[in-house]
Amino acid sequence: MKDRIVLNVEMKDRYCFECGNLLEWFNFKNVNHHLGYNYLLKIWNSNFIQLYCCECFKEDMLLSKGIIYFPEKLDENFMIIVKKLT
């Protein structure tokens, strides 16, 4: 049975836990499209869950795997990613 979609829900403003940038519901929903709509609403409106923007999440995930991420672009289509040597 599919989840019934909840309509007319007040959406609170969410900000990245790391950098403080305003997050957009539409982007959050699209990135997490494999999760149910109502589940995403609960996460979005929870006071107990902190969210990250895609850039901060990517950087945190790479660092946790021992990879250093440099977002400075060498050109339009290439970004530097270096494996940490320790």
N, C-alpha and C. Protein backbone atom coordinates (compact mmCIF):
# COMPACT_ATOMS: atom_id res chain seq x y z
N MET A 1 0.84 -1.18 0.00
CA MET A 1 0.00 0.00 0.00
C MET A 1 0.88 1.25 0.00
N LYS A 2 0.59 2.18 -0.85
CA LYS A 2 1.39 3.40 -0.94
C LYS A 2 1.02 4.37 0.16
N ASP A 3 2.02 5.20 0.54
CA ASP A 3 1.76 6.25 1.52
C ASP A 3 0.80 7.26 0.94
N ARG A 4 -0.11 7.71 1.77
CA ARG A 4 -0.95 8.83 1.34
C ARG A 4 -0.13 10.10 1.52
N ILE A 5 -0.21 10.97 0.54
CA ILE A 5 0.55 12.21 0.60
C ILE A 5 -0.20 13.22 1.45
N VAL A 6 0.53 13.81 2.39
CA VAL A 6 -0.03 14.82 3.28
C VAL A 6 0.06 16.17 2.58
N LEU A 7 -1.06 16.86 2.48
CA LEU A 7 -1.08 18.18 1.85
C LEU A 7 -1.28 19.26 2.91
N ASN A 8 -0.98 20.47 2.56
CA ASN A 8 -1.15 21.63 3.44
C ASN A 8 -0.36 21.50 4.73
N VAL A 9 0.87 21.03 4.63
CA VAL A 9 1.75 20.93 5.79
C VAL A 9 2.64 22.17 5.81
N GLU A 10 2.75 22.77 6.97
CA GLU A 10 3.62 23.93 7.10
C GLU A 10 5.07 23.46 7.11
N MET A 11 5.85 24.00 6.19
CA MET A 11 7.26 23.61 6.07
C MET A 11 8.11 24.66 6.75
N LYS A 12 8.97 24.20 7.67
CA LYS A 12 9.85 25.17 8.32
C LYS A 12 11.11 25.38 7.49
N ASP A 13 11.73 26.52 7.66
CA ASP A 13 12.99 26.79 6.97
C ASP A 13 14.06 25.89 7.57
N ARG A 14 14.87 25.31 6.70
CA ARG A 14 15.97 24.46 7.13
C ARG A 14 17.27 25.03 6.59
N TYR A 15 18.31 24.95 7.40
CA TYR A 15 19.63 25.46 7.04
C TYR A 15 20.66 24.36 7.21
N CYS A 16 21.70 24.39 6.38
CA CYS A 16 22.77 23.40 6.47
C CYS A 16 23.42 23.48 7.84
N PHE A 17 23.56 22.34 8.50
CA PHE A 17 24.15 22.26 9.83
C PHE A 17 25.61 22.71 9.82
N GLU A 18 26.30 22.56 8.69
CA GLU A 18 27.72 22.89 8.60
C GLU A 18 27.95 24.35 8.18
N CYS A 19 27.39 24.76 7.04
CA CYS A 19 27.70 26.08 6.48
C CYS A 19 26.61 27.12 6.71
N GLY A 20 25.41 26.68 7.09
CA GLY A 20 24.33 27.63 7.38
C GLY A 20 23.52 28.09 6.18
N ASN A 21 23.82 27.57 4.99
CA ASN A 21 23.05 27.96 3.80
C ASN A 21 21.63 27.42 3.88
N LEU A 22 20.69 28.21 3.36
CA LEU A 22 19.29 27.81 3.32
C LEU A 22 19.13 26.60 2.41
N LEU A 23 18.44 25.57 2.90
CA LEU A 23 18.16 24.37 2.10
C LEU A 23 16.79 24.53 1.46
N GLU A 24 16.62 23.92 0.30
CA GLU A 24 15.35 23.98 -0.41
C GLU A 24 14.67 22.62 -0.39
N TRP A 25 13.40 22.62 -0.04
CA TRP A 25 12.62 21.38 0.05
C TRP A 25 12.65 20.62 -1.27
N PHE A 26 12.48 21.33 -2.37
CA PHE A 26 12.43 20.68 -3.68
C PHE A 26 13.71 19.89 -3.94
N ASN A 27 14.87 20.48 -3.65
CA ASN A 27 16.14 19.79 -3.85
C ASN A 27 16.28 18.60 -2.90
N PHE A 28 15.91 18.79 -1.64
CA PHE A 28 15.97 17.72 -0.65
C PHE A 28 15.12 16.52 -1.10
N LYS A 29 13.91 16.83 -1.56
CA LYS A 29 12.98 15.78 -2.01
C LYS A 29 13.52 15.06 -3.24
N ASN A 30 14.11 15.79 -4.17
CA ASN A 30 14.63 15.17 -5.39
C ASN A 30 15.87 14.31 -5.13
N VAL A 31 16.75 14.77 -4.26
CA VAL A 31 17.95 14.00 -3.94
C VAL A 31 17.58 12.71 -3.21
N ASN A 32 16.52 12.76 -2.42
CA ASN A 32 16.09 11.60 -1.62
C ASN A 32 14.81 10.97 -2.18
N HIS A 33 14.67 10.98 -3.49
CA HIS A 33 13.45 10.52 -4.15
C HIS A 33 13.09 9.07 -3.83
N HIS A 34 14.07 8.28 -3.42
CA HIS A 34 13.82 6.88 -3.11
C HIS A 34 13.12 6.67 -1.77
N LEU A 35 13.04 7.74 -0.96
CA LEU A 35 12.34 7.67 0.33
C LEU A 35 10.91 8.18 0.16
N GLY A 36 10.01 7.75 0.98
CA GLY A 36 8.62 8.17 0.89
C GLY A 36 8.43 9.65 1.20
N TYR A 37 7.45 10.24 0.56
CA TYR A 37 7.16 11.66 0.71
C TYR A 37 6.87 12.02 2.17
N ASN A 38 6.01 11.25 2.82
CA ASN A 38 5.65 11.55 4.21
C ASN A 38 6.85 11.38 5.15
N TYR A 39 7.70 10.40 4.87
CA TYR A 39 8.92 10.19 5.66
C TYR A 39 9.84 11.40 5.52
N LEU A 40 9.99 11.90 4.29
CA LEU A 40 10.81 13.08 4.07
C LEU A 40 10.25 14.31 4.79
N LEU A 41 8.93 14.42 4.81
CA LEU A 41 8.30 15.53 5.56
C LEU A 41 8.65 15.46 7.04
N LYS A 42 8.61 14.26 7.60
CA LYS A 42 8.95 14.09 9.01
C LYS A 42 10.40 14.47 9.28
N ILE A 43 11.29 14.05 8.39
CA ILE A 43 12.70 14.42 8.55
C ILE A 43 12.87 15.92 8.45
N TRP A 44 12.28 16.51 7.43
CA TRP A 44 12.42 17.95 7.18
C TRP A 44 11.93 18.78 8.37
N ASN A 45 10.82 18.40 8.93
CA ASN A 45 10.21 19.19 10.01
C ASN A 45 10.65 18.77 11.41
N SER A 46 11.55 17.79 11.51
CA SER A 46 12.02 17.32 12.81
C SER A 46 12.97 18.34 13.45
N ASN A 47 12.82 18.51 14.76
CA ASN A 47 13.74 19.36 15.51
C ASN A 47 14.97 18.57 15.97
N PHE A 48 14.97 17.27 15.74
CA PHE A 48 16.03 16.40 16.25
C PHE A 48 16.99 15.91 15.17
N ILE A 49 16.75 16.28 13.93
CA ILE A 49 17.60 15.85 12.82
C ILE A 49 18.21 17.08 12.16
N GLN A 50 19.54 17.07 12.03
CA GLN A 50 20.23 18.16 11.36
C GLN A 50 20.52 17.73 9.92
N LEU A 51 20.35 18.64 8.99
CA LEU A 51 20.55 18.36 7.58
C LEU A 51 21.77 19.11 7.05
N TYR A 52 22.40 18.54 6.04
CA TYR A 52 23.55 19.15 5.38
C TYR A 52 23.18 19.47 3.93
N CYS A 53 23.76 20.54 3.40
CA CYS A 53 23.63 20.78 1.96
C CYS A 53 24.47 19.72 1.23
N CYS A 54 24.28 19.58 -0.05
CA CYS A 54 24.99 18.54 -0.81
C CYS A 54 26.50 18.72 -0.75
N GLU A 55 26.97 19.96 -0.85
CA GLU A 55 28.42 20.20 -0.83
C GLU A 55 29.05 19.81 0.51
N CYS A 56 28.44 20.21 1.61
CA CYS A 56 28.99 19.88 2.93
C CYS A 56 28.89 18.38 3.19
N PHE A 57 27.80 17.77 2.77
CA PHE A 57 27.64 16.33 2.96
C PHE A 57 28.70 15.57 2.18
N LYS A 58 28.92 15.99 0.92
CA LYS A 58 29.92 15.33 0.08
C LYS A 58 31.31 15.47 0.71
N GLU A 59 31.65 16.68 1.17
CA GLU A 59 32.96 16.91 1.76
C GLU A 59 33.13 16.08 3.03
N ASP A 60 32.11 16.03 3.88
CA ASP A 60 32.17 15.26 5.12
C ASP A 60 32.32 13.77 4.83
N MET A 61 31.58 13.26 3.85
CA MET A 61 31.66 11.85 3.49
C MET A 61 33.04 11.50 2.94
N LEU A 62 33.60 12.36 2.10
CA LEU A 62 34.92 12.10 1.55
C LEU A 62 35.98 12.11 2.64
N LEU A 63 35.90 13.09 3.55
CA LEU A 63 36.87 13.16 4.64
C LEU A 63 36.79 11.94 5.54
N SER A 64 35.59 11.44 5.79
CA SER A 64 35.44 10.27 6.64
C SER A 64 36.06 9.02 5.99
N LYS A 65 36.25 9.05 4.67
CA LYS A 65 36.87 7.93 3.96
C LYS A 65 38.35 8.19 3.70
N GLY A 66 38.90 9.25 4.31
CA GLY A 66 40.32 9.54 4.15
C GLY A 66 40.67 10.22 2.85
N ILE A 67 39.71 10.90 2.24
CA ILE A 67 39.95 11.59 0.97
C ILE A 67 39.83 13.10 1.22
N ILE A 68 40.80 13.84 0.75
CA ILE A 68 40.77 15.29 0.88
C ILE A 68 40.11 15.85 -0.38
N TYR A 69 39.17 16.75 -0.19
CA TYR A 69 38.39 17.31 -1.30
C TYR A 69 38.70 18.80 -1.42
N PHE A 70 39.16 19.22 -2.60
CA PHE A 70 39.43 20.62 -2.87
C PHE A 70 38.44 21.11 -3.92
N PRO A 71 37.47 21.94 -3.53
CA PRO A 71 36.45 22.37 -4.49
C PRO A 71 36.93 23.38 -5.53
N GLU A 72 38.16 23.87 -5.41
CA GLU A 72 38.65 24.81 -6.41
C GLU A 72 38.77 24.09 -7.75
N LYS A 73 38.24 24.67 -8.78
CA LYS A 73 38.22 24.03 -10.10
C LYS A 73 39.51 24.36 -10.85
N LEU A 74 40.06 23.35 -11.49
CA LEU A 74 41.19 23.59 -12.40
C LEU A 74 40.68 24.13 -13.73
N ASP A 75 39.58 23.60 -14.17
CA ASP A 75 38.89 24.11 -15.34
C ASP A 75 37.40 23.87 -15.14
N GLU A 76 36.60 24.07 -16.13
CA GLU A 76 35.15 23.96 -15.97
C GLU A 76 34.66 22.55 -15.67
N ASN A 77 35.41 21.52 -16.07
CA ASN A 77 34.90 20.16 -15.97
C ASN A 77 35.70 19.24 -15.03
N PHE A 78 36.64 19.80 -14.27
CA PHE A 78 37.50 18.95 -13.45
C PHE A 78 37.63 19.52 -12.05
N MET A 79 37.47 18.69 -11.05
CA MET A 79 37.66 19.12 -9.67
C MET A 79 38.72 18.22 -9.04
N ILE A 80 39.54 18.79 -8.17
CA ILE A 80 40.64 18.05 -7.56
C ILE A 80 40.12 17.19 -6.41
N ILE A 81 40.44 15.91 -6.46
CA ILE A 81 40.17 15.01 -5.34
C ILE A 81 41.47 14.23 -5.11
N VAL A 82 42.01 14.32 -3.90
CA VAL A 82 43.29 13.71 -3.59
C VAL A 82 43.12 12.71 -2.45
N LYS A 83 43.70 11.53 -2.60
CA LYS A 83 43.65 10.52 -1.56
C LYS A 83 44.65 10.90 -0.47
N LYS A 84 44.19 10.91 0.78
CA LYS A 84 45.02 11.26 1.92
C LYS A 84 46.06 10.17 2.14
N LEU A 85 47.33 10.56 2.34
CA LEU A 85 48.43 9.60 2.45
C LEU A 85 48.82 9.35 3.91
N THR A 86 47.87 8.90 4.73
CA THR A 86 48.22 8.54 6.11
C THR A 86 47.50 7.31 6.52
